[in-house]
Structures are given as structure tokens and as C-alpha cells.
Amino acid sequence: MLSSVLNSDKAIAVNIKIIRIFTKMRDLLNDNLSLRLEIEDIKKKMNNHDKNIELVFSYLDELVERKEEKKERTQIGYKKVKD
């Protein structure tokens, strides 16, 4: 605030530098915000992928259990005659 009130060349230069620094800080914060939003989107997608992978594994477990509980079926069609 003092640099904007004073009327010397040095005060003007300091005031300009302060404004540039705040501008760069604002840009950095905006970049960080966009990065943070992108990371959150990726986290949501990964969470959905985790749920889908768990679902696939549960289906695979069910299929394995069905295969283990397989009943003997009577064959249909032509049967070989034993000599």
C-alpha cells in the first residue's frame, strides 16, 4: 500500500513488481485449480473402474462355482457299441 502512495521511481517499480507477483500467483492458483479438478475426475473414473473390476471378479467366481458344481449329464445321440 505504501508503494502505491509514494511518488518515487523506486516506489513505482516496487508497486509494479507487487502487481506482477499477485498476477502470477493468481495464474498459479488457477492452474492448480484446473489440475485439482482433473485429478478429481481421474479419481472418480478410477473408483468406477474399481467397482467394475470387482463386479467382473464376482461374476468369474460365480462361473467357477457353477463349473465345480457341474452335474453329470446323460449323453444323447449315437453311442459307441462296446465289443
C-alpha atoms as a PDB file:
ATOM      1  CA  MET A   1       0.000   0.000   0.000  1.00  0.00           C
ATOM      2  CA  LEU A   2       2.836   2.360   0.839  1.00  0.00           C
ATOM      3  CA  SER A   3       4.446   1.785  -2.559  1.00  0.00           C
ATOM      4  CA  SER A   4       1.280   2.990  -4.305  1.00  0.00           C
ATOM      5  CA  VAL A   5       1.117   6.142  -2.170  1.00  0.00           C
ATOM      6  CA  LEU A   6       4.737   7.161  -2.503  1.00  0.00           C
ATOM      7  CA  ASN A   7       5.662   9.054  -5.646  1.00  0.00           C
ATOM      8  CA  SER A   8       9.249   7.957  -6.314  1.00  0.00           C
ATOM      9  CA  ASP A   9      10.633   5.851  -9.143  1.00  0.00           C
ATOM     10  CA  LYS A  10      11.601   3.092  -6.712  1.00  0.00           C
ATOM     11  CA  ALA A  11       8.117   3.026  -5.162  1.00  0.00           C
ATOM     12  CA  ILE A  12       6.527   2.822  -8.612  1.00  0.00           C
ATOM     13  CA  ALA A  13       8.859  -0.054  -9.593  1.00  0.00           C
ATOM     14  CA  VAL A  14       8.061  -1.913  -6.362  1.00  0.00           C
ATOM     15  CA  ASN A  15       4.331  -1.386  -6.906  1.00  0.00           C
ATOM     16  CA  ILE A  16       4.586  -2.798 -10.453  1.00  0.00           C
ATOM     17  CA  LYS A  17       6.528  -5.826  -9.179  1.00  0.00           C
ATOM     18  CA  ILE A  18       3.936  -6.435  -6.471  1.00  0.00           C
ATOM     19  CA  ILE A  19       1.117  -6.350  -9.020  1.00  0.00           C
ATOM     20  CA  ARG A  20       3.023  -8.742 -11.321  1.00  0.00           C
ATOM     21  CA  ILE A  21       3.649 -11.122  -8.420  1.00  0.00           C
ATOM     22  CA  PHE A  22      -0.042 -11.153  -7.485  1.00  0.00           C
ATOM     23  CA  THR A  23      -0.940 -11.747 -11.137  1.00  0.00           C
ATOM     24  CA  LYS A  24       1.445 -14.719 -11.294  1.00  0.00           C
ATOM     25  CA  MET A  25       0.058 -16.052  -8.015  1.00  0.00           C
ATOM     26  CA  ARG A  26      -3.470 -15.844  -9.414  1.00  0.00           C
ATOM     27  CA  ASP A  27      -2.378 -17.716 -12.548  1.00  0.00           C
ATOM     28  CA  LEU A  28      -0.675 -20.397 -10.460  1.00  0.00           C
ATOM     29  CA  LEU A  29      -3.765 -20.826  -8.323  1.00  0.00           C
ATOM     30  CA  ASN A  30      -5.937 -21.131 -11.430  1.00  0.00           C
ATOM     31  CA  ASP A  31      -3.569 -23.730 -12.868  1.00  0.00           C
ATOM     32  CA  ASN A  32      -3.627 -25.629  -9.590  1.00  0.00           C
ATOM     33  CA  LEU A  33      -7.399 -25.473  -9.521  1.00  0.00           C
ATOM     34  CA  SER A  34      -7.681 -26.901 -13.020  1.00  0.00           C
ATOM     35  CA  LEU A  35      -5.159 -29.615 -12.143  1.00  0.00           C
ATOM     36  CA  ARG A  36      -7.062 -30.405  -8.970  1.00  0.00           C
ATOM     37  CA  LEU A  37     -10.328 -30.698 -10.917  1.00  0.00           C
ATOM     38  CA  GLU A  38      -8.689 -33.002 -13.466  1.00  0.00           C
ATOM     39  CA  ILE A  39      -7.261 -35.159 -10.679  1.00  0.00           C
ATOM     40  CA  GLU A  40     -10.697 -35.402  -9.062  1.00  0.00           C
ATOM     41  CA  ASP A  41     -12.182 -36.508 -12.393  1.00  0.00           C
ATOM     42  CA  ILE A  42      -9.493 -39.169 -12.705  1.00  0.00           C
ATOM     43  CA  LYS A  43     -10.180 -40.341  -9.144  1.00  0.00           C
ATOM     44  CA  LYS A  44     -13.884 -40.688  -9.920  1.00  0.00           C
ATOM     45  CA  LYS A  45     -13.136 -42.693 -13.050  1.00  0.00           C
ATOM     46  CA  MET A  46     -10.715 -44.923 -11.171  1.00  0.00           C
ATOM     47  CA  ASN A  47     -13.316 -45.504  -8.475  1.00  0.00           C
ATOM     48  CA  ASN A  48     -15.810 -46.566 -11.146  1.00  0.00           C
ATOM     49  CA  HIS A  49     -13.198 -48.846 -12.708  1.00  0.00           C
ATOM     50  CA  ASP A  50     -12.527 -50.450  -9.332  1.00  0.00           C
ATOM     51  CA  LYS A  51     -16.221 -51.176  -8.891  1.00  0.00           C
ATOM     52  CA  ASN A  52     -16.449 -52.640 -12.399  1.00  0.00           C
ATOM     53  CA  ILE A  53     -13.395 -54.839 -11.817  1.00  0.00           C
ATOM     54  CA  GLU A  54     -14.889 -56.125  -8.550  1.00  0.00           C
ATOM     55  CA  LEU A  55     -18.112 -56.920 -10.399  1.00  0.00           C
ATOM     56  CA  VAL A  56     -16.226 -58.849 -13.099  1.00  0.00           C
ATOM     57  CA  PHE A  57     -14.360 -60.864 -10.468  1.00  0.00           C
ATOM     58  CA  SER A  58     -17.573 -61.690  -8.638  1.00  0.00           C
ATOM     59  CA  TYR A  59     -19.085 -62.949 -11.920  1.00  0.00           C
ATOM     60  CA  LEU A  60     -15.972 -65.006 -12.557  1.00  0.00           C
ATOM     61  CA  ASP A  61     -16.229 -66.519  -9.070  1.00  0.00           C
ATOM     62  CA  GLU A  62     -19.853 -67.459  -9.748  1.00  0.00           C
ATOM     63  CA  LEU A  63     -18.890 -69.103 -13.024  1.00  0.00           C
ATOM     64  CA  VAL A  64     -16.108 -71.095 -11.347  1.00  0.00           C
ATOM     65  CA  GLU A  65     -18.534 -72.259  -8.645  1.00  0.00           C
ATOM     66  CA  ARG A  66     -21.057 -73.350 -11.287  1.00  0.00           C
ATOM     67  CA  LYS A  67     -18.361 -75.256 -13.144  1.00  0.00           C
ATOM     68  CA  GLU A  68     -17.306 -77.041  -9.943  1.00  0.00           C
ATOM     69  CA  GLU A  69     -20.927 -77.985  -9.190  1.00  0.00           C
ATOM     70  CA  LYS A  70     -21.351 -79.469 -12.664  1.00  0.00           C
ATOM     71  CA  LYS A  71     -23.825 -82.373 -12.790  1.00  0.00           C
ATOM     72  CA  GLU A  72     -23.269 -85.492 -14.832  1.00  0.00           C
ATOM     73  CA  ARG A  73     -25.388 -85.297 -17.926  1.00  0.00           C
ATOM     74  CA  THR A  74     -26.689 -88.232 -19.847  1.00  0.00           C
ATOM     75  CA  GLN A  75     -25.287 -88.289 -23.305  1.00  0.00           C
ATOM     76  CA  ILE A  76     -27.664 -88.004 -26.163  1.00  0.00           C
ATOM     77  CA  GLY A  77     -27.125 -89.093 -29.711  1.00  0.00           C
ATOM     78  CA  TYR A  78     -25.244 -92.103 -31.050  1.00  0.00           C
ATOM     79  CA  LYS A  79     -23.471 -94.287 -28.544  1.00  0.00           C
ATOM     80  CA  LYS A  80     -20.486 -96.430 -29.341  1.00  0.00           C
ATOM     81  CA  VAL A  81     -21.119-100.122 -29.064  1.00  0.00           C
ATOM     82  CA  LYS A  82     -18.505-101.881 -26.924  1.00  0.00           C
ATOM     83  CA  ASP A  83     -17.216-105.119 -28.401  1.00  0.00           C
END
